[in-house]
Amino acid sequence: MRSILYIIAVILIIGWAIGTFAYAAGSLIHILLVIAVISLILGFLRKDTTVV
């Protein structure tokens, strides 16, 4: 499950970078960035809490 979150986060960050440089999607790109950051934070929190 963690790897899926990381893949989604990377895809969203790449989409944000492309959209920022191309000015194509407006404020939607910033929403994608926020979702990517939240996914990374959740991934790190879940990783830290599952230490055995």
C-alpha atoms as a PDB file:
ATOM      1  CA  MET A   1       0.000   0.000   0.000  1.00  0.00           C
ATOM      2  CA  ARG A   2       2.877   2.377   0.744  1.00  0.00           C
ATOM      3  CA  SER A   3       4.401   1.902  -2.689  1.00  0.00           C
ATOM      4  CA  ILE A   4       1.089   2.859  -4.302  1.00  0.00           C
ATOM      5  CA  LEU A   5       1.033   6.087  -2.280  1.00  0.00           C
ATOM      6  CA  TYR A   6       4.572   6.899  -3.365  1.00  0.00           C
ATOM      7  CA  ILE A   7       3.783   6.186  -7.021  1.00  0.00           C
ATOM      8  CA  ILE A   8       0.705   8.418  -6.839  1.00  0.00           C
ATOM      9  CA  ALA A   9       2.702  11.151  -5.103  1.00  0.00           C
ATOM     10  CA  VAL A  10       5.463  11.050  -7.747  1.00  0.00           C
ATOM     11  CA  ILE A  11       2.938  11.151 -10.579  1.00  0.00           C
ATOM     12  CA  LEU A  12       1.154  14.120  -9.001  1.00  0.00           C
ATOM     13  CA  ILE A  13       4.411  15.996  -8.401  1.00  0.00           C
ATOM     14  CA  ILE A  14       5.472  15.438 -12.023  1.00  0.00           C
ATOM     15  CA  GLY A  15       2.038  16.637 -13.162  1.00  0.00           C
ATOM     16  CA  TRP A  16       2.384  19.700 -10.951  1.00  0.00           C
ATOM     17  CA  ALA A  17       5.818  20.506 -12.374  1.00  0.00           C
ATOM     18  CA  ILE A  18       4.628  20.137 -15.966  1.00  0.00           C
ATOM     19  CA  GLY A  19       1.529  22.223 -15.308  1.00  0.00           C
ATOM     20  CA  THR A  20       3.485  24.925 -13.500  1.00  0.00           C
ATOM     21  CA  PHE A  21       5.875  25.384 -16.408  1.00  0.00           C
ATOM     22  CA  ALA A  22       3.178  25.141 -19.068  1.00  0.00           C
ATOM     23  CA  TYR A  23       0.523  27.270 -17.301  1.00  0.00           C
ATOM     24  CA  ALA A  24      -2.071  24.879 -18.694  1.00  0.00           C
ATOM     25  CA  ALA A  25      -4.258  23.829 -15.771  1.00  0.00           C
ATOM     26  CA  GLY A  26      -4.299  26.886 -13.500  1.00  0.00           C
ATOM     27  CA  SER A  27      -5.116  26.289  -9.848  1.00  0.00           C
ATOM     28  CA  LEU A  28      -5.842  22.584 -10.372  1.00  0.00           C
ATOM     29  CA  ILE A  29      -2.094  21.922 -10.434  1.00  0.00           C
ATOM     30  CA  HIS A  30      -1.681  23.338  -6.942  1.00  0.00           C
ATOM     31  CA  ILE A  31      -4.440  21.051  -5.686  1.00  0.00           C
ATOM     32  CA  LEU A  32      -2.516  18.115  -7.151  1.00  0.00           C
ATOM     33  CA  LEU A  33       0.617  19.256  -5.319  1.00  0.00           C
ATOM     34  CA  VAL A  34      -1.251  19.412  -2.017  1.00  0.00           C
ATOM     35  CA  ILE A  35      -2.628  15.899  -2.579  1.00  0.00           C
ATOM     36  CA  ALA A  36       0.875  14.622  -3.397  1.00  0.00           C
ATOM     37  CA  VAL A  37       2.354  16.158  -0.235  1.00  0.00           C
ATOM     38  CA  ILE A  38      -0.454  14.705   1.892  1.00  0.00           C
ATOM     39  CA  SER A  39       0.165  11.279   0.319  1.00  0.00           C
ATOM     40  CA  LEU A  40       3.864  11.477   1.168  1.00  0.00           C
ATOM     41  CA  ILE A  41       3.145  12.543   4.752  1.00  0.00           C
ATOM     42  CA  LEU A  42       0.649   9.701   5.204  1.00  0.00           C
ATOM     43  CA  GLY A  43       3.195   7.281   3.758  1.00  0.00           C
ATOM     44  CA  PHE A  44       5.877   8.408   6.202  1.00  0.00           C
ATOM     45  CA  LEU A  45       3.472   8.279   9.158  1.00  0.00           C
ATOM     46  CA  ARG A  46       2.303   4.780   8.281  1.00  0.00           C
ATOM     47  CA  LYS A  47       5.899   3.659   7.753  1.00  0.00           C
ATOM     48  CA  ASP A  48       6.957   4.964  11.185  1.00  0.00           C
ATOM     49  CA  THR A  49       4.013   3.402  13.002  1.00  0.00           C
ATOM     50  CA  THR A  50       4.548  -0.064  11.490  1.00  0.00           C
ATOM     51  CA  VAL A  51       8.069  -0.529  12.870  1.00  0.00           C
ATOM     52  CA  VAL A  52       8.278  -3.954  14.523  1.00  0.00           C
END
